[in-house]
Amino acid sequence: MIHLTFDKGTILIKGSIKVPNSFWDKRVEAYRAQALYYRDIKTYLDASGFSYKDDVLDPVPCPELRMNTVLRDYQDNAIAAWLRAEKWGALVLPTGSGKTLIALKAVSISNPAIIIVPTLDLLDQWKAKIEDEFGIEAGTYCGDEHKLGPVTVATYDTAYIRASELGNRFRLIVFDEAHHLPSPGYSSIAEMFACPARMGLTATYERPDGLHKELSRLIGGKIFEISVESMEGVHLANFDLKRIHVKLLPDEEEQYRTNYDAYRKYLSDNNIILRTPRDFERLVMRSGRDRAARDAILARHRARLTALNSSSKLKTLSEILSKHSGPDDRVLIFTEHNDLVYRISREFLIPFITYTTRKDERTANLSKFRTGEYRVLVTSKVLDEGVDVPDANVGVILSGSGSKREFIQRLGRILRKKGDKKAVLYEIISKSTMEEGSSRRRNEAVDK
């Protein structure tokens, strides 16, 4: 008789039957496979006609879970696509489109379930939504808090550490912000959980390093995608993108040209042409043994800082804030670095949120933004994902990278539909600097 058991994130196959993706472990005289392949092993054994005993899963007791919320049509379509894919796959939907409700529908179908999230803010938000929708107490795994529930929420960091003990306690695993999963280390979470049902949620599937290709192996590939444009005006707010180019101040122009020309001269003198991000990585590696290369990269960094943080942008920001000063306006200002956040906060007397902001202060600022006591917030990257941001109708990208993911996340912060609101996202870009290239690359995410 073949016997399947779970052993610290792996499946032991006793009975001298070699199944796909397994290897012989002479220590226990049995074949062993990553828990990821549990479903494939069962499928293989069923198709081969072997009789076997399956003691892999030890599910957490779970009551019947029913959803009270009625899904929208595209959310129903996403669930239908997931069911057609035999409960494996990644769903790609814009921020604000209700990915959480889609996942909770999946939880009502396949449970017990564990939700993996990247931040403590998201853990708290998921816990509240699970308890509100199903009327049960959600389990939580984060830091020193380890409490199992029929629907448990865990951070990526804790799930990574505890996968060997949790890997057989759930039938469904959901990865929120699934683009994090292929990161080194985190992929072992998917490998060590035996969950036969898997779902990934993200607004930005592709990764610049190409590791998103791993998602096909870990949770199933992309099975459903809906764009911002197709939802605009129906389920998301109508929006405009406005790009404003500003000139550097004379002293800034001099600093920028001095540093950028030094960087370009090094490339020219050494016949280096940068066509891809990989080419730039090679330049960074070269700087470890070439002092001149290091000086060139530092000069490029100083030039970029000058372009991103130009004082000219603050004058334009002032004009935008004056234009959107109505009682119903909610404005979010995004920057690349905290230094500019603090400068804006001082000069315009605007509350800020950064990674150093205490959780209670962050919650209070977001709450006052929601009620209208604060009409404007300035932040760096902390609101790009993982934080439930109240409705806003105006976004201002004062500085940012060329990342499409970052751009989509920031755009999503102003797209939650509320009545007939029209959202607007401003980009303020330093003219004739490398920032224009960054803007061009990130805007490829939205054809507008």
Protein backbone atom coordinates (compact mmCIF):
# COMPACT_ATOMS: atom_id res chain seq x y z
CA MET A 1 0.00 0.00 0.00
CA ILE A 2 1.35 3.43 -0.91
CA HIS A 3 1.21 5.88 1.99
CA LEU A 4 1.39 9.69 1.62
CA THR A 5 2.29 11.80 4.65
CA PHE A 6 3.39 15.40 5.28
CA ASP A 7 6.85 15.88 6.73
CA LYS A 8 8.12 19.41 7.43
CA GLY A 9 7.13 20.96 4.14
CA THR A 10 7.56 17.82 2.03
CA ILE A 11 5.50 14.80 1.03
CA LEU A 12 6.80 11.33 1.92
CA ILE A 13 5.73 8.59 -0.48
CA LYS A 14 6.19 5.20 1.16
CA GLY A 15 5.64 2.11 -0.97
CA SER A 16 8.53 2.20 -3.43
CA ILE A 17 6.55 4.00 -6.11
CA LYS A 18 8.44 6.79 -7.86
CA VAL A 19 6.15 9.67 -8.65
CA PRO A 20 6.99 12.77 -10.72
CA ASN A 21 9.08 15.49 -9.00
CA SER A 22 10.22 13.10 -6.22
CA PHE A 23 13.62 11.75 -5.18
CA TRP A 24 14.72 8.77 -3.11
CA ASP A 25 15.55 9.65 0.51
CA LYS A 26 17.64 6.79 1.84
CA ARG A 27 17.41 8.16 5.40
CA VAL A 28 13.74 7.19 5.58
CA GLU A 29 13.69 4.60 2.79
CA ALA A 30 10.98 6.46 0.89
CA TYR A 31 10.50 8.89 -1.98
CA ARG A 32 10.16 12.55 -1.03
CA ALA A 33 8.76 15.55 -2.94
CA GLN A 34 8.14 19.22 -2.22
CA ALA A 35 4.66 19.74 -0.74
CA LEU A 36 3.95 21.96 -3.77
CA TYR A 37 3.50 18.76 -5.82
CA TYR A 38 0.91 17.14 -3.53
CA ARG A 39 -1.92 17.69 -5.99
CA ASP A 40 0.17 16.38 -8.91
CA ILE A 41 1.15 13.26 -6.94
CA LYS A 42 -2.50 12.44 -6.21
CA THR A 43 -3.42 13.03 -9.85
CA TYR A 44 -0.61 10.71 -10.97
CA LEU A 45 -1.58 7.96 -8.54
CA ASP A 46 -5.28 8.23 -9.45
CA ALA A 47 -4.48 8.05 -13.16
CA SER A 48 -2.11 5.10 -12.64
CA GLY A 49 -4.71 3.10 -10.75
CA PHE A 50 -2.55 2.61 -7.65
CA SER A 51 -4.36 2.29 -4.35
CA TYR A 52 -2.94 4.58 -1.71
CA LYS A 53 -3.58 6.01 1.73
CA ASP A 54 -3.53 9.80 1.94
CA ASP A 55 -2.63 11.27 5.35
CA VAL A 56 -1.12 14.50 4.10
CA LEU A 57 -3.70 17.11 5.06
CA ASP A 58 -4.69 17.78 8.65
CA PRO A 59 -7.13 20.65 8.08
CA VAL A 60 -8.02 23.19 10.72
CA PRO A 61 -11.72 22.68 11.67
CA CYS A 62 -13.84 25.12 9.68
CA PRO A 63 -17.55 25.98 9.82
CA GLU A 64 -19.56 26.52 6.65
CA LEU A 65 -18.60 29.92 5.24
CA ARG A 66 -21.13 31.98 3.30
CA MET A 67 -20.61 35.36 1.70
CA ASN A 68 -23.16 38.09 2.18
CA THR A 69 -21.62 40.43 -0.38
CA VAL A 70 -22.79 40.00 -3.97
CA LEU A 71 -19.89 40.09 -6.40
CA ARG A 72 -19.77 42.37 -9.45
CA ASP A 73 -19.79 40.77 -12.89
CA TYR A 74 -16.03 40.96 -13.45
CA GLN A 75 -15.42 39.55 -9.96
CA ASP A 76 -17.70 36.61 -10.82
CA ASN A 77 -15.75 36.19 -14.07
CA ALA A 78 -12.50 36.06 -12.12
CA ILE A 79 -13.84 33.31 -9.86
CA ALA A 80 -15.14 31.39 -12.90
CA ALA A 81 -11.67 31.59 -14.50
CA TRP A 82 -10.08 30.31 -11.29
CA LEU A 83 -12.51 27.38 -11.11
CA ARG A 84 -11.85 26.53 -14.78
CA ALA A 85 -8.13 26.49 -13.96
CA GLU A 86 -8.87 23.88 -11.25
CA LYS A 87 -8.42 26.41 -8.44
CA TRP A 88 -4.88 27.44 -9.43
CA GLY A 89 -3.76 30.75 -10.87
CA ALA A 90 -3.05 34.46 -10.52
CA LEU A 91 -5.71 37.17 -10.93
CA VAL A 92 -4.53 40.56 -12.15
CA LEU A 93 -6.88 43.45 -11.35
CA PRO A 94 -6.35 47.17 -10.69
CA THR A 95 -6.07 48.59 -7.20
CA GLY A 96 -9.55 49.44 -5.94
CA SER A 97 -11.34 46.74 -7.96
CA GLY A 98 -12.15 44.51 -4.98
CA LYS A 99 -9.59 41.72 -5.20
CA THR A 100 -10.20 40.92 -1.51
CA LEU A 101 -13.86 40.07 -2.16
CA ILE A 102 -12.85 37.73 -4.99
CA ALA A 103 -10.49 35.92 -2.65
CA LEU A 104 -13.14 35.67 0.08
CA LYS A 105 -15.46 34.07 -2.45
CA ALA A 106 -12.74 31.52 -3.14
CA VAL A 107 -12.39 30.98 0.61
CA SER A 108 -16.13 30.26 0.85
CA ILE A 109 -15.64 27.57 -1.81
CA SER A 110 -12.39 26.02 -0.60
CA ASN A 111 -11.47 26.07 3.08
CA PRO A 112 -9.87 26.19 5.57
CA ALA A 113 -7.65 28.82 4.02
CA ILE A 114 -4.57 30.87 4.72
CA ILE A 115 -3.95 34.34 3.31
CA ILE A 116 -0.32 35.46 2.91
CA VAL A 117 0.25 39.24 2.96
CA PRO A 118 3.37 41.43 2.74
CA THR A 119 2.69 43.91 5.56
CA LEU A 120 1.13 44.15 9.01
CA ASP A 121 -1.24 46.84 7.71
CA LEU A 122 -2.63 44.41 5.17
CA LEU A 123 -2.86 41.67 7.80
CA ASP A 124 -5.07 43.90 9.94
CA GLN A 125 -7.23 44.85 6.93
CA TRP A 126 -7.71 41.22 5.86
CA LYS A 127 -8.53 40.12 9.41
CA ALA A 128 -11.23 42.79 9.70
CA LYS A 129 -12.77 41.88 6.33
CA ILE A 130 -12.78 38.13 7.06
CA GLU A 131 -14.50 38.67 10.41
CA ASP A 132 -17.00 41.11 8.90
CA GLU A 133 -17.86 38.87 5.94
CA PHE A 134 -17.97 35.46 7.64
CA GLY A 135 -18.67 36.35 11.28
CA ILE A 136 -15.76 34.23 12.54
CA GLU A 137 -12.55 35.08 14.34
CA ALA A 138 -9.63 35.03 11.91
CA GLY A 139 -6.34 33.47 12.90
CA THR A 140 -3.15 35.52 12.63
CA TYR A 141 0.51 34.58 12.24
CA CYS A 142 2.91 37.50 12.56
CA GLY A 143 5.83 38.28 14.83
CA ASP A 144 5.20 36.57 18.17
CA GLU A 145 1.46 36.17 17.55
CA HIS A 146 0.60 32.65 16.35
CA LYS A 147 -3.11 31.81 16.41
CA LEU A 148 -4.72 29.35 14.01
CA GLY A 149 -8.20 29.93 12.65
CA PRO A 150 -10.35 28.43 9.90
CA VAL A 151 -9.21 31.45 7.87
CA THR A 152 -5.75 32.55 8.96
CA VAL A 153 -3.77 35.57 7.80
CA ALA A 154 0.04 35.45 7.90
CA THR A 155 2.78 37.76 6.75
CA TYR A 156 5.21 36.50 4.13
CA ASP A 157 8.03 36.63 6.71
CA THR A 158 6.20 34.51 9.30
CA ALA A 159 4.78 32.07 6.74
CA TYR A 160 8.34 31.56 5.46
CA ILE A 161 9.52 30.63 8.97
CA ARG A 162 6.45 28.53 9.89
CA ALA A 163 5.75 26.77 6.59
CA SER A 164 7.01 23.41 7.88
CA GLU A 165 4.34 23.32 10.61
CA LEU A 166 1.48 25.06 8.74
CA GLY A 167 1.94 23.52 5.30
CA ASN A 168 -0.73 20.79 5.68
CA ARG A 169 -3.37 22.66 7.72
CA PHE A 170 -5.22 24.39 4.84
CA ARG A 171 -6.86 23.48 1.53
CA LEU A 172 -6.50 26.95 -0.01
CA ILE A 173 -3.59 29.40 0.08
CA VAL A 174 -4.01 32.96 -1.21
CA PHE A 175 -0.99 35.16 -1.92
CA ASP A 176 -1.91 38.85 -1.76
CA GLU A 177 0.43 41.14 -3.75
CA ALA A 178 1.61 37.91 -5.40
CA HIS A 179 4.43 39.66 -7.28
CA HIS A 180 6.40 39.35 -4.01
CA LEU A 181 6.20 35.54 -4.05
CA PRO A 182 9.02 34.79 -6.52
CA SER A 183 11.49 36.74 -4.37
CA PRO A 184 14.37 34.66 -2.99
CA GLY A 185 13.14 32.87 0.14
CA TYR A 186 9.45 33.64 -0.26
CA SER A 187 9.05 31.09 -3.07
CA SER A 188 9.69 28.34 -0.52
CA ILE A 189 6.35 29.24 1.11
CA ALA A 190 4.53 27.98 -1.97
CA GLU A 191 6.88 24.98 -2.18
CA MET A 192 6.29 23.90 1.44
CA PHE A 193 2.49 24.24 1.56
CA ALA A 194 0.49 21.26 0.30
CA CYS A 195 -2.68 23.31 -0.36
CA PRO A 196 -4.35 21.77 -3.41
CA ALA A 197 -6.05 25.13 -4.18
CA ARG A 198 -4.00 28.30 -4.81
CA MET A 199 -4.74 31.88 -5.77
CA GLY A 200 -2.49 34.89 -6.41
CA LEU A 201 -3.73 38.49 -6.35
CA THR A 202 -1.85 41.42 -7.83
CA ALA A 203 -2.28 44.62 -9.81
CA THR A 204 1.21 44.27 -11.30
CA TYR A 205 2.05 40.71 -12.40
CA GLU A 206 5.31 41.31 -14.27
CA ARG A 207 8.58 41.88 -12.39
CA PRO A 208 11.53 43.77 -13.94
CA ASP A 209 13.81 40.84 -13.04
CA GLY A 210 11.63 38.37 -14.94
CA LEU A 211 11.00 36.19 -11.87
CA HIS A 212 7.24 36.39 -12.41
CA LYS A 213 7.73 33.38 -14.71
CA GLU A 214 8.12 31.34 -11.50
CA LEU A 215 4.49 32.05 -10.61
CA SER A 216 3.36 29.44 -13.14
CA ARG A 217 5.14 26.74 -11.17
CA LEU A 218 4.26 28.04 -7.71
CA ILE A 219 0.57 28.94 -8.01
CA GLY A 220 -0.34 28.63 -11.69
CA GLY A 221 0.21 31.39 -14.21
CA LYS A 222 -1.91 34.40 -15.03
CA ILE A 223 -5.47 33.16 -15.60
CA PHE A 224 -7.46 36.40 -15.48
CA GLU A 225 -6.59 40.04 -16.16
CA ILE A 226 -8.63 43.18 -16.46
CA SER A 227 -7.12 46.57 -17.22
CA VAL A 228 -7.63 49.96 -15.63
CA GLU A 229 -8.88 51.33 -18.95
CA SER A 230 -11.65 48.74 -19.30
CA MET A 231 -12.98 49.56 -15.84
CA GLU A 232 -12.64 53.35 -16.05
CA GLY A 233 -15.96 55.11 -15.62
CA VAL A 234 -17.80 51.87 -14.83
CA HIS A 235 -16.28 50.30 -11.75
CA LEU A 236 -13.37 52.73 -11.34
CA ALA A 237 -13.44 56.52 -11.49
CA ASN A 238 -12.81 58.33 -14.75
CA PHE A 239 -9.38 59.88 -14.66
CA ASP A 240 -7.01 62.21 -16.48
CA LEU A 241 -3.23 62.09 -16.58
CA LYS A 242 -1.52 65.48 -16.72
CA ARG A 243 2.24 65.72 -17.24
CA ILE A 244 3.81 69.05 -16.34
CA HIS A 245 7.43 69.75 -17.33
CA VAL A 246 9.33 72.33 -15.27
CA LYS A 247 12.77 73.89 -15.76
CA LEU A 248 15.50 73.42 -13.23
CA LEU A 249 16.62 76.59 -11.43
CA PRO A 250 19.93 78.00 -12.79
CA ASP A 251 22.03 76.63 -9.92
CA GLU A 252 20.26 73.28 -10.16
CA GLU A 253 20.86 73.23 -13.93
CA GLU A 254 24.58 73.78 -13.35
CA GLN A 255 24.75 71.00 -10.73
CA TYR A 256 22.80 68.63 -12.94
CA ARG A 257 24.92 69.25 -16.06
CA THR A 258 28.22 68.98 -14.17
CA ASN A 259 27.33 65.62 -12.67
CA TYR A 260 25.48 64.17 -15.65
CA ASP A 261 28.24 65.18 -18.09
CA ALA A 262 30.83 63.50 -15.83
CA TYR A 263 28.77 60.31 -15.91
CA ARG A 264 28.32 60.42 -19.69
CA LYS A 265 32.04 61.15 -20.22
CA TYR A 266 32.98 57.98 -18.33
CA LEU A 267 30.63 55.91 -20.50
CA SER A 268 31.99 57.52 -23.67
CA ASP A 269 35.66 57.16 -22.66
CA ASN A 270 35.12 53.46 -21.94
CA ASN A 271 32.88 52.71 -24.97
CA ILE A 272 30.02 51.63 -22.68
CA ILE A 273 26.50 51.65 -24.12
CA LEU A 274 23.61 50.98 -21.72
CA ARG A 275 20.65 49.40 -23.48
CA THR A 276 19.05 47.34 -20.71
CA PRO A 277 18.81 47.29 -16.90
CA ARG A 278 21.23 44.36 -17.01
CA ASP A 279 23.81 46.62 -18.68
CA PHE A 280 23.54 49.05 -15.78
CA GLU A 281 23.91 46.17 -13.30
CA ARG A 282 27.18 45.26 -15.04
CA LEU A 283 28.32 48.87 -14.65
CA VAL A 284 27.55 48.72 -10.92
CA MET A 285 29.53 45.46 -10.64
CA ARG A 286 32.40 47.09 -12.52
CA SER A 287 32.45 49.91 -9.96
CA GLY A 288 33.65 47.39 -7.37
CA ARG A 289 37.04 47.22 -9.10
CA ASP A 290 37.08 50.51 -11.02
CA ARG A 291 37.23 53.72 -8.96
CA ALA A 292 36.34 55.84 -11.99
CA ALA A 293 33.20 53.76 -12.59
CA ARG A 294 32.20 54.28 -8.97
CA ASP A 295 32.70 58.05 -9.29
CA ALA A 296 30.60 58.03 -12.47
CA ILE A 297 27.72 56.22 -10.77
CA LEU A 298 27.87 58.62 -7.83
CA ALA A 299 27.78 61.57 -10.26
CA ARG A 300 24.71 60.05 -11.93
CA HIS A 301 23.08 59.65 -8.52
CA ARG A 302 23.73 63.31 -7.64
CA ALA A 303 22.30 64.44 -10.99
CA ARG A 304 19.19 62.32 -10.44
CA LEU A 305 18.68 63.75 -6.96
CA THR A 306 18.87 67.26 -8.38
CA ALA A 307 16.26 66.45 -11.04
CA LEU A 308 13.87 64.65 -8.67
CA ASN A 309 14.01 67.26 -5.93
CA SER A 310 14.05 70.50 -7.93
CA SER A 311 12.65 73.54 -6.15
CA SER A 312 10.83 74.43 -9.36
CA LYS A 313 8.48 71.56 -8.68
CA LEU A 314 7.29 73.11 -5.45
CA LYS A 315 6.01 76.20 -7.26
CA THR A 316 3.95 73.99 -9.57
CA LEU A 317 2.78 71.94 -6.60
CA SER A 318 1.57 75.13 -4.95
CA GLU A 319 -0.48 75.95 -8.06
CA ILE A 320 -2.03 72.46 -8.11
CA LEU A 321 -2.94 72.67 -4.42
CA SER A 322 -4.59 76.05 -5.01
CA LYS A 323 -6.55 74.64 -7.95
CA HIS A 324 -7.77 71.68 -5.88
CA SER A 325 -8.61 73.48 -2.66
CA GLY A 326 -12.31 72.65 -2.57
CA PRO A 327 -13.87 71.03 0.50
CA ASP A 328 -14.42 67.75 -1.37
CA ASP A 329 -10.88 67.52 -2.79
CA ARG A 330 -8.54 64.88 -1.33
CA VAL A 331 -4.95 65.17 -2.56
CA LEU A 332 -2.16 62.60 -2.22
CA ILE A 333 1.41 63.74 -2.99
CA PHE A 334 3.99 61.05 -3.81
CA THR A 335 7.76 61.51 -3.75
CA GLU A 336 10.80 59.27 -4.24
CA HIS A 337 12.61 60.22 -1.02
CA ASN A 338 11.64 61.12 2.52
CA ASP A 339 13.73 64.31 2.48
CA LEU A 340 11.33 65.89 0.01
CA VAL A 341 8.36 64.65 2.05
CA TYR A 342 9.64 66.51 5.11
CA ARG A 343 10.44 69.64 3.09
CA ILE A 344 6.92 69.75 1.62
CA SER A 345 5.42 69.10 5.03
CA ARG A 346 7.37 72.05 6.49
CA GLU A 347 6.76 74.52 3.66
CA PHE A 348 3.08 73.72 3.02
CA LEU A 349 2.12 72.58 6.55
CA ILE A 350 0.90 69.24 5.20
CA PRO A 351 0.74 66.05 7.35
CA PHE A 352 3.04 63.28 6.14
CA ILE A 353 3.35 59.49 6.26
CA THR A 354 6.70 57.75 5.80
CA TYR A 355 8.17 54.40 6.83
CA THR A 356 9.29 56.01 10.07
CA THR A 357 5.79 57.20 10.99
CA ARG A 358 4.44 55.28 14.00
CA LYS A 359 1.46 53.03 13.29
CA ASP A 360 -0.90 54.98 15.57
CA GLU A 361 0.13 58.28 13.95
CA ARG A 362 -0.27 56.79 10.46
CA THR A 363 -3.75 55.49 11.35
CA ALA A 364 -4.73 58.86 12.79
CA ASN A 365 -3.51 60.75 9.70
CA LEU A 366 -5.39 58.42 7.34
CA SER A 367 -8.52 58.68 9.49
CA LYS A 368 -8.40 62.50 9.41
CA PHE A 369 -7.81 62.34 5.66
CA ARG A 370 -10.90 60.16 5.33
CA THR A 371 -13.10 62.56 7.32
CA GLY A 372 -11.80 65.63 5.54
CA GLU A 373 -10.02 67.15 8.54
CA TYR A 374 -6.87 66.69 6.44
CA ARG A 375 -7.40 67.34 2.74
CA VAL A 376 -3.80 66.68 1.69
CA LEU A 377 -1.22 64.05 2.64
CA VAL A 378 2.36 63.76 1.43
CA THR A 379 4.18 60.44 1.40
CA SER A 380 7.14 58.69 -0.18
CA LYS A 381 6.59 55.01 -1.04
CA VAL A 382 4.82 53.75 2.06
CA LEU A 383 1.34 54.07 0.49
CA ASP A 384 2.34 52.45 -2.81
CA GLU A 385 0.88 49.14 -1.63
CA GLY A 386 -0.25 47.41 1.52
CA VAL A 387 -2.21 50.28 3.04
CA ASP A 388 -5.95 50.85 2.71
CA VAL A 389 -5.92 54.48 1.62
CA PRO A 390 -9.15 56.52 1.90
CA ASP A 391 -10.76 57.88 -1.26
CA ALA A 392 -8.76 60.59 -3.00
CA ASN A 393 -9.52 62.39 -6.25
CA VAL A 394 -6.15 64.04 -6.92
CA GLY A 395 -2.70 62.46 -7.03
CA VAL A 396 0.57 64.31 -7.58
CA ILE A 397 3.71 62.37 -8.48
CA LEU A 398 6.39 64.86 -7.56
CA SER A 399 9.14 62.30 -8.06
CA GLY A 400 9.35 58.58 -8.66
CA SER A 401 11.13 55.78 -10.43
CA GLY A 402 10.49 54.36 -13.89
CA SER A 403 8.65 51.39 -12.35
CA LYS A 404 5.33 50.56 -14.00
CA ARG A 405 4.30 48.77 -10.81
CA GLU A 406 4.88 51.87 -8.70
CA PHE A 407 2.94 53.99 -11.20
CA ILE A 408 -0.04 51.60 -11.29
CA GLN A 409 -0.16 51.41 -7.50
CA ARG A 410 -0.09 55.21 -7.16
CA LEU A 411 -2.74 55.65 -9.83
CA GLY A 412 -4.90 53.08 -8.06
CA ARG A 413 -4.98 55.28 -4.97
CA ILE A 414 -7.28 57.78 -6.68
CA LEU A 415 -9.44 55.41 -8.74
CA ARG A 416 -11.95 54.08 -6.22
CA LYS A 417 -15.31 54.98 -7.70
CA LYS A 418 -17.43 57.34 -5.64
CA GLY A 419 -20.44 58.87 -7.36
CA ASP A 420 -19.41 60.64 -10.54
CA LYS A 421 -16.02 61.79 -9.28
CA LYS A 422 -13.36 62.55 -11.88
CA ALA A 423 -9.86 61.77 -10.71
CA VAL A 424 -6.68 63.41 -11.95
CA LEU A 425 -3.08 62.29 -11.62
CA TYR A 426 -0.38 64.94 -12.12
CA GLU A 427 3.23 64.16 -12.88
CA ILE A 428 5.71 66.98 -12.34
CA ILE A 429 8.86 66.26 -14.35
CA SER A 430 12.14 68.15 -14.56
CA LYS A 431 12.56 69.13 -18.21
CA SER A 432 15.57 67.91 -20.22
CA THR A 433 16.75 65.53 -17.49
CA MET A 434 16.89 61.76 -17.12
CA GLU A 435 13.58 62.04 -15.26
CA GLU A 436 11.82 62.34 -18.62
CA GLY A 437 12.96 58.78 -19.44
CA SER A 438 11.64 57.49 -16.11
CA SER A 439 8.27 59.12 -16.79
CA ARG A 440 8.14 57.60 -20.28
CA ARG A 441 8.87 54.09 -18.97
CA ARG A 442 6.34 54.15 -16.15
CA ASN A 443 3.63 55.60 -18.38
CA GLU A 444 3.87 52.52 -20.62
CA ALA A 445 1.73 50.87 -17.92
CA VAL A 446 -1.25 53.00 -18.97
CA ASP A 447 -1.93 53.91 -22.57
CA LYS A 448 -3.60 57.25 -22.10
